[in-house]
N, C-alpha and C. Protein backbone atom coordinates (compact mmCIF):
# COMPACT_ATOMS: atom_id res chain seq x y z
N MET A 1 80.33 109.96 103.93
CA MET A 1 81.51 110.71 103.56
C MET A 1 82.75 109.85 103.75
N ALA A 2 83.68 110.01 102.85
CA ALA A 2 84.92 109.25 102.93
C ALA A 2 85.81 109.84 104.01
N LYS A 3 86.43 108.99 104.78
CA LYS A 3 87.37 109.44 105.80
C LYS A 3 88.73 109.63 105.14
N THR A 4 89.44 110.66 105.54
CA THR A 4 90.79 110.86 105.02
C THR A 4 91.76 110.50 106.14
N LYS A 5 92.23 111.45 106.90
CA LYS A 5 93.09 111.19 108.04
C LYS A 5 92.21 111.15 109.29
N PRO A 6 92.71 110.57 110.38
CA PRO A 6 91.90 110.54 111.60
C PRO A 6 91.43 111.95 111.97
N GLY A 7 90.14 112.07 112.22
CA GLY A 7 89.59 113.35 112.62
C GLY A 7 89.28 114.29 111.47
N LYS A 8 89.58 113.88 110.23
CA LYS A 8 89.27 114.73 109.08
C LYS A 8 88.22 114.05 108.23
N LYS A 9 87.37 114.87 107.62
CA LYS A 9 86.37 114.30 106.72
C LYS A 9 86.28 115.15 105.46
N ASP A 10 86.08 114.47 104.34
CA ASP A 10 85.90 115.17 103.07
C ASP A 10 84.53 115.83 103.05
N LEU A 11 84.47 117.02 102.49
CA LEU A 11 83.21 117.74 102.33
C LEU A 11 82.88 117.85 100.85
N ASP A 12 81.60 117.83 100.53
CA ASP A 12 81.16 117.96 99.14
C ASP A 12 81.17 119.41 98.68
N SER A 13 81.04 120.35 99.64
CA SER A 13 80.96 121.76 99.27
C SER A 13 81.30 122.64 100.47
N TYR A 14 81.45 123.93 100.17
CA TYR A 14 81.71 124.94 101.19
C TYR A 14 81.02 126.22 100.75
N THR A 15 80.28 126.87 101.66
CA THR A 15 79.63 128.14 101.34
C THR A 15 80.56 129.28 101.75
N ILE A 16 80.88 130.15 100.79
CA ILE A 16 81.79 131.26 101.04
C ILE A 16 81.20 132.16 102.12
N LYS A 17 82.01 132.45 103.13
CA LYS A 17 81.58 133.25 104.28
C LYS A 17 80.97 134.57 103.82
N GLY A 18 79.79 134.89 104.35
CA GLY A 18 79.12 136.15 104.04
C GLY A 18 78.39 136.17 102.71
N THR A 19 78.32 135.02 102.04
CA THR A 19 77.63 134.93 100.74
C THR A 19 76.76 133.68 100.72
N ASN A 20 76.05 133.49 99.62
CA ASN A 20 75.33 132.23 99.42
C ASN A 20 75.98 131.43 98.29
N LYS A 21 77.23 131.79 97.93
CA LYS A 21 77.95 131.10 96.86
C LYS A 21 78.57 129.82 97.40
N VAL A 22 78.32 128.73 96.69
CA VAL A 22 78.80 127.42 97.11
C VAL A 22 79.96 126.99 96.22
N VAL A 23 81.04 126.56 96.86
CA VAL A 23 82.24 126.08 96.16
C VAL A 23 82.29 124.57 96.29
N LYS A 24 82.61 123.91 95.17
CA LYS A 24 82.75 122.45 95.16
C LYS A 24 84.10 122.10 94.54
N PRO A 25 84.62 120.90 94.81
CA PRO A 25 85.85 120.48 94.12
C PRO A 25 85.66 120.61 92.60
N GLY A 26 86.67 121.16 91.93
CA GLY A 26 86.59 121.40 90.50
C GLY A 26 86.29 122.84 90.16
N ASP A 27 85.83 123.63 91.15
CA ASP A 27 85.54 125.05 90.92
C ASP A 27 86.83 125.87 91.00
N CYS A 28 86.82 127.00 90.33
CA CYS A 28 87.91 127.97 90.43
C CYS A 28 87.47 129.08 91.37
N VAL A 29 88.42 129.52 92.20
CA VAL A 29 88.09 130.52 93.22
C VAL A 29 89.13 131.64 93.26
N LEU A 30 88.71 132.76 93.82
CA LEU A 30 89.59 133.89 94.10
C LEU A 30 89.92 133.83 95.58
N MET A 31 91.22 133.88 95.90
CA MET A 31 91.64 133.78 97.30
C MET A 31 92.35 135.06 97.73
N ARG A 32 91.97 135.52 98.89
CA ARG A 32 92.46 136.78 99.44
C ARG A 32 93.95 136.68 99.78
N PRO A 33 94.77 137.59 99.22
CA PRO A 33 96.20 137.59 99.57
C PRO A 33 96.40 138.27 100.93
N SER A 34 97.50 137.95 101.60
CA SER A 34 97.77 138.61 102.88
C SER A 34 98.12 140.08 102.67
N ASP A 35 98.70 140.40 101.51
CA ASP A 35 99.00 141.79 101.15
C ASP A 35 97.80 142.35 100.39
N THR A 36 97.06 143.26 101.01
CA THR A 36 95.81 143.75 100.41
C THR A 36 96.03 144.61 99.17
N ASP A 37 97.28 144.99 98.88
CA ASP A 37 97.58 145.75 97.66
C ASP A 37 97.64 144.84 96.43
N LYS A 38 97.70 143.54 96.65
CA LYS A 38 97.83 142.59 95.54
C LYS A 38 96.46 142.14 95.03
N LEU A 39 96.44 141.69 93.78
CA LEU A 39 95.22 141.10 93.22
C LEU A 39 94.95 139.77 93.92
N PRO A 40 93.69 139.32 93.95
CA PRO A 40 93.42 138.02 94.56
C PRO A 40 94.12 136.91 93.78
N TYR A 41 94.50 135.86 94.49
CA TYR A 41 95.08 134.69 93.85
C TYR A 41 93.95 133.87 93.24
N VAL A 42 94.26 133.14 92.17
CA VAL A 42 93.27 132.29 91.51
C VAL A 42 93.72 130.85 91.70
N ALA A 43 92.78 129.98 92.07
CA ALA A 43 93.12 128.58 92.34
C ALA A 43 91.99 127.66 91.90
N LEU A 44 92.36 126.43 91.60
CA LEU A 44 91.42 125.36 91.28
C LEU A 44 91.27 124.52 92.54
N VAL A 45 90.04 124.37 93.04
CA VAL A 45 89.80 123.59 94.26
C VAL A 45 89.83 122.11 93.92
N GLU A 46 90.74 121.38 94.56
CA GLU A 46 90.88 119.94 94.34
C GLU A 46 90.07 119.15 95.37
N LYS A 47 90.06 119.65 96.62
CA LYS A 47 89.45 118.89 97.71
C LYS A 47 89.07 119.86 98.83
N ILE A 48 88.00 119.54 99.54
CA ILE A 48 87.56 120.33 100.69
C ILE A 48 87.45 119.38 101.88
N GLU A 49 88.05 119.73 103.01
CA GLU A 49 87.95 118.86 104.18
C GLU A 49 87.86 119.67 105.46
N ALA A 50 87.25 119.05 106.47
CA ALA A 50 87.10 119.68 107.78
C ALA A 50 87.75 118.79 108.83
N ASP A 51 88.37 119.43 109.84
CA ASP A 51 88.93 118.65 110.93
C ASP A 51 87.89 118.47 112.04
N HIS A 52 88.29 117.85 113.13
CA HIS A 52 87.34 117.56 114.21
C HIS A 52 86.78 118.82 114.87
N ARG A 53 87.42 119.98 114.66
CA ARG A 53 86.91 121.24 115.20
C ARG A 53 86.12 122.02 114.15
N ASN A 54 85.86 121.39 113.02
CA ASN A 54 85.14 121.99 111.90
C ASN A 54 85.89 123.13 111.23
N ASN A 55 87.22 123.14 111.34
CA ASN A 55 88.04 124.08 110.57
C ASN A 55 88.11 123.54 109.15
N VAL A 56 87.64 124.33 108.19
CA VAL A 56 87.58 123.86 106.81
C VAL A 56 88.82 124.31 106.04
N LYS A 57 89.45 123.36 105.37
CA LYS A 57 90.64 123.62 104.54
C LYS A 57 90.33 123.19 103.12
N VAL A 58 90.99 123.86 102.17
CA VAL A 58 90.85 123.49 100.77
C VAL A 58 92.23 123.14 100.22
N ARG A 59 92.29 122.03 99.47
CA ARG A 59 93.51 121.70 98.73
C ARG A 59 93.33 122.32 97.36
N VAL A 60 94.27 123.18 96.96
CA VAL A 60 94.14 123.92 95.71
C VAL A 60 95.35 123.69 94.81
N ARG A 61 95.10 123.92 93.53
CA ARG A 61 96.16 123.96 92.52
C ARG A 61 96.17 125.40 92.01
N TRP A 62 97.29 126.06 92.17
CA TRP A 62 97.38 127.48 91.88
C TRP A 62 97.46 127.78 90.39
N TYR A 63 96.82 128.88 90.00
CA TYR A 63 97.05 129.50 88.71
C TYR A 63 98.04 130.64 88.95
N TYR A 64 98.96 130.83 88.02
CA TYR A 64 99.90 131.95 88.09
C TYR A 64 99.53 132.99 87.04
N ARG A 65 99.72 134.26 87.37
CA ARG A 65 99.62 135.32 86.37
C ARG A 65 100.98 135.38 85.67
N PRO A 66 101.02 135.85 84.41
CA PRO A 66 102.31 135.90 83.70
C PRO A 66 103.41 136.61 84.49
N GLU A 67 103.08 137.71 85.16
CA GLU A 67 104.11 138.45 85.90
C GLU A 67 104.63 137.69 87.12
N GLU A 68 103.94 136.63 87.54
CA GLU A 68 104.39 135.81 88.67
C GLU A 68 105.28 134.65 88.21
N SER A 69 105.42 134.48 86.91
CA SER A 69 106.20 133.36 86.38
C SER A 69 107.63 133.79 86.07
N ILE A 70 108.51 132.80 85.95
CA ILE A 70 109.88 133.06 85.51
C ILE A 70 109.77 133.55 84.07
N GLY A 71 110.38 134.65 83.75
CA GLY A 71 110.26 135.21 82.40
C GLY A 71 109.29 136.37 82.35
N GLY A 72 108.35 136.41 83.29
CA GLY A 72 107.42 137.53 83.41
C GLY A 72 106.41 137.67 82.28
N ARG A 73 105.70 138.78 82.33
CA ARG A 73 104.66 139.06 81.34
C ARG A 73 105.31 139.44 80.02
N ARG A 74 104.78 138.84 78.93
CA ARG A 74 105.26 139.14 77.58
C ARG A 74 104.17 139.87 76.82
N GLN A 75 104.55 140.43 75.69
CA GLN A 75 103.63 141.24 74.89
C GLN A 75 102.39 140.46 74.47
N PHE A 76 102.54 139.17 74.17
CA PHE A 76 101.42 138.39 73.66
C PHE A 76 100.49 137.85 74.75
N HIS A 77 100.84 138.02 76.02
CA HIS A 77 99.97 137.54 77.09
C HIS A 77 98.75 138.45 77.21
N GLY A 78 97.59 137.82 77.32
CA GLY A 78 96.36 138.58 77.50
C GLY A 78 96.26 139.14 78.90
N ALA A 79 95.48 140.20 79.06
CA ALA A 79 95.30 140.84 80.36
C ALA A 79 94.69 139.88 81.38
N LYS A 80 93.85 138.94 80.93
CA LYS A 80 93.16 138.02 81.84
C LYS A 80 93.74 136.60 81.73
N GLU A 81 94.98 136.49 81.23
CA GLU A 81 95.60 135.17 81.05
C GLU A 81 96.21 134.66 82.34
N LEU A 82 96.02 133.36 82.58
CA LEU A 82 96.59 132.67 83.73
C LEU A 82 97.28 131.40 83.24
N PHE A 83 98.19 130.87 84.04
CA PHE A 83 98.84 129.59 83.74
C PHE A 83 98.48 128.61 84.86
N LEU A 84 97.98 127.43 84.50
CA LEU A 84 97.71 126.39 85.50
C LEU A 84 99.04 125.79 85.92
N SER A 85 99.37 125.86 87.19
CA SER A 85 100.68 125.42 87.66
C SER A 85 100.63 124.02 88.27
N ASP A 86 101.83 123.50 88.55
CA ASP A 86 101.96 122.24 89.27
C ASP A 86 102.21 122.51 90.76
N HIS A 87 101.84 123.69 91.21
CA HIS A 87 102.02 124.12 92.60
C HIS A 87 100.70 123.88 93.36
N TYR A 88 100.73 122.93 94.30
CA TYR A 88 99.57 122.58 95.11
C TYR A 88 99.78 123.11 96.52
N ASP A 89 98.68 123.37 97.22
CA ASP A 89 98.78 123.94 98.55
C ASP A 89 97.49 123.64 99.32
N VAL A 90 97.55 123.77 100.64
CA VAL A 90 96.35 123.66 101.48
C VAL A 90 96.17 125.00 102.17
N GLN A 91 94.97 125.56 102.05
CA GLN A 91 94.66 126.87 102.60
C GLN A 91 93.36 126.81 103.41
N SER A 92 93.19 127.77 104.31
CA SER A 92 91.93 127.89 105.03
C SER A 92 90.84 128.31 104.04
N ALA A 93 89.68 127.69 104.14
CA ALA A 93 88.57 128.05 103.26
C ALA A 93 88.11 129.48 103.50
N HIS A 94 88.44 130.05 104.66
CA HIS A 94 88.05 131.43 104.96
C HIS A 94 88.73 132.45 104.05
N THR A 95 89.82 132.04 103.38
CA THR A 95 90.52 132.98 102.49
C THR A 95 89.86 133.05 101.11
N ILE A 96 88.85 132.21 100.86
CA ILE A 96 88.14 132.27 99.58
C ILE A 96 87.22 133.49 99.61
N GLU A 97 87.37 134.36 98.61
CA GLU A 97 86.52 135.56 98.58
C GLU A 97 85.51 135.54 97.46
N GLY A 98 85.61 134.60 96.54
CA GLY A 98 84.64 134.53 95.45
C GLY A 98 84.97 133.40 94.49
N LYS A 99 84.05 133.19 93.56
CA LYS A 99 84.26 132.20 92.52
C LYS A 99 84.63 132.91 91.23
N CYS A 100 85.28 132.19 90.33
CA CYS A 100 85.61 132.74 89.02
C CYS A 100 85.56 131.60 88.01
N THR A 101 85.72 131.94 86.75
CA THR A 101 85.73 130.93 85.69
C THR A 101 87.00 131.09 84.89
N VAL A 102 87.73 129.99 84.72
CA VAL A 102 88.92 129.99 83.87
C VAL A 102 88.56 129.19 82.63
N HIS A 103 88.47 129.89 81.51
CA HIS A 103 88.06 129.30 80.23
C HIS A 103 89.28 128.85 79.43
N SER A 104 89.04 127.99 78.45
CA SER A 104 90.07 127.75 77.44
C SER A 104 90.16 129.04 76.62
N PHE A 105 91.28 129.26 75.92
CA PHE A 105 91.43 130.48 75.13
C PHE A 105 90.34 130.54 74.05
N LYS A 106 90.05 129.39 73.45
CA LYS A 106 89.03 129.33 72.39
C LYS A 106 87.67 129.78 72.92
N ASN A 107 87.26 129.24 74.07
CA ASN A 107 85.96 129.62 74.65
C ASN A 107 85.96 131.06 75.15
N TYR A 108 87.08 131.51 75.69
CA TYR A 108 87.18 132.89 76.18
C TYR A 108 87.01 133.87 75.03
N SER A 109 87.63 133.56 73.89
CA SER A 109 87.55 134.48 72.74
C SER A 109 86.15 134.54 72.14
N LYS A 110 85.29 133.57 72.49
CA LYS A 110 83.90 133.57 72.00
C LYS A 110 82.94 134.30 72.96
N LEU A 111 83.42 134.68 74.14
CA LEU A 111 82.54 135.35 75.11
C LEU A 111 82.10 136.70 74.56
N GLU A 112 80.80 136.97 74.66
CA GLU A 112 80.30 138.28 74.23
C GLU A 112 80.59 139.34 75.28
N ASN A 113 80.45 138.98 76.53
CA ASN A 113 80.72 139.91 77.63
C ASN A 113 81.70 139.24 78.60
N VAL A 114 82.90 139.78 78.69
CA VAL A 114 83.90 139.26 79.61
C VAL A 114 83.71 139.95 80.95
N GLY A 115 83.39 139.16 81.97
CA GLY A 115 83.17 139.72 83.31
C GLY A 115 84.46 139.79 84.10
N ALA A 116 84.40 140.45 85.24
CA ALA A 116 85.57 140.59 86.11
C ALA A 116 86.08 139.23 86.58
N GLU A 117 85.19 138.23 86.64
CA GLU A 117 85.58 136.92 87.14
C GLU A 117 85.89 135.92 86.02
N ASP A 118 86.03 136.40 84.78
CA ASP A 118 86.39 135.55 83.64
C ASP A 118 87.88 135.66 83.34
N TYR A 119 88.54 134.51 83.24
CA TYR A 119 89.96 134.42 82.90
C TYR A 119 90.12 133.35 81.82
N PHE A 120 91.33 133.25 81.26
CA PHE A 120 91.59 132.15 80.33
C PHE A 120 92.98 131.56 80.59
N CYS A 121 93.13 130.31 80.15
CA CYS A 121 94.39 129.59 80.34
C CYS A 121 94.69 128.81 79.07
N ARG A 122 95.91 128.96 78.56
CA ARG A 122 96.33 128.15 77.40
C ARG A 122 97.65 127.45 77.63
N PHE A 123 98.25 127.63 78.83
CA PHE A 123 99.51 126.96 79.16
C PHE A 123 99.43 126.33 80.55
N GLU A 124 100.18 125.24 80.72
CA GLU A 124 100.45 124.73 82.06
C GLU A 124 101.87 125.16 82.38
N TYR A 125 102.09 125.51 83.64
CA TYR A 125 103.36 126.08 84.08
C TYR A 125 103.97 125.22 85.17
N LYS A 126 105.25 124.86 84.99
CA LYS A 126 105.98 124.12 86.01
C LYS A 126 106.71 125.15 86.89
N ALA A 127 106.18 125.37 88.07
CA ALA A 127 106.69 126.44 88.94
C ALA A 127 108.16 126.23 89.33
N SER A 128 108.59 124.98 89.49
CA SER A 128 109.96 124.72 89.93
C SER A 128 110.99 124.99 88.84
N THR A 129 110.62 124.79 87.57
CA THR A 129 111.59 124.95 86.48
C THR A 129 111.31 126.17 85.61
N GLY A 130 110.10 126.70 85.66
CA GLY A 130 109.74 127.81 84.79
C GLY A 130 109.35 127.36 83.39
N GLY A 131 109.18 126.05 83.20
CA GLY A 131 108.83 125.52 81.88
C GLY A 131 107.33 125.57 81.62
N PHE A 132 106.98 125.59 80.34
CA PHE A 132 105.58 125.66 79.93
C PHE A 132 105.20 124.47 79.06
N THR A 133 103.93 124.08 79.11
CA THR A 133 103.36 123.09 78.21
C THR A 133 102.08 123.69 77.65
N PRO A 134 101.87 123.79 76.33
CA PRO A 134 102.91 123.59 75.32
C PRO A 134 103.95 124.70 75.42
N ASP A 135 105.13 124.46 74.82
CA ASP A 135 106.20 125.46 74.95
C ASP A 135 106.15 126.53 73.87
N ARG A 136 105.14 126.46 72.99
CA ARG A 136 104.94 127.53 72.01
C ARG A 136 103.47 127.56 71.61
N VAL A 137 103.06 128.70 71.09
CA VAL A 137 101.67 128.89 70.69
C VAL A 137 101.64 129.94 69.59
N ALA A 138 100.68 129.81 68.68
CA ALA A 138 100.52 130.82 67.63
C ALA A 138 100.02 132.11 68.24
N VAL A 139 100.59 133.24 67.82
CA VAL A 139 100.15 134.54 68.35
C VAL A 139 99.73 135.46 67.23
């Protein structure tokens, strides 16, 4: 295993507490919000590491829901639409409550059965400026 900082080591995977579901870097996950009235947060796992006490942390790149962005939800946004943001964070792996799949819009529209854990993304979102890439799309 590659060493990162003193006392920390990179992990190849993490098993979600109370399940047999394994999360690896590159997977999308649902993360438990501190406010239980809110929907779970969606994130892309970039890295998994443990410290010398075996506390496991995940470096994530957040997805935003349209209503969480500057400008808010618009009429053309899909119910399961997310924006991949430039907002990175480190969280305890214990806050992961499940895995999900974030599809391209093209692949999402081809799904025969859309499950609760299926989402789609067609924009990248700059959280600091509220800008989008691409800045327009056919609707």
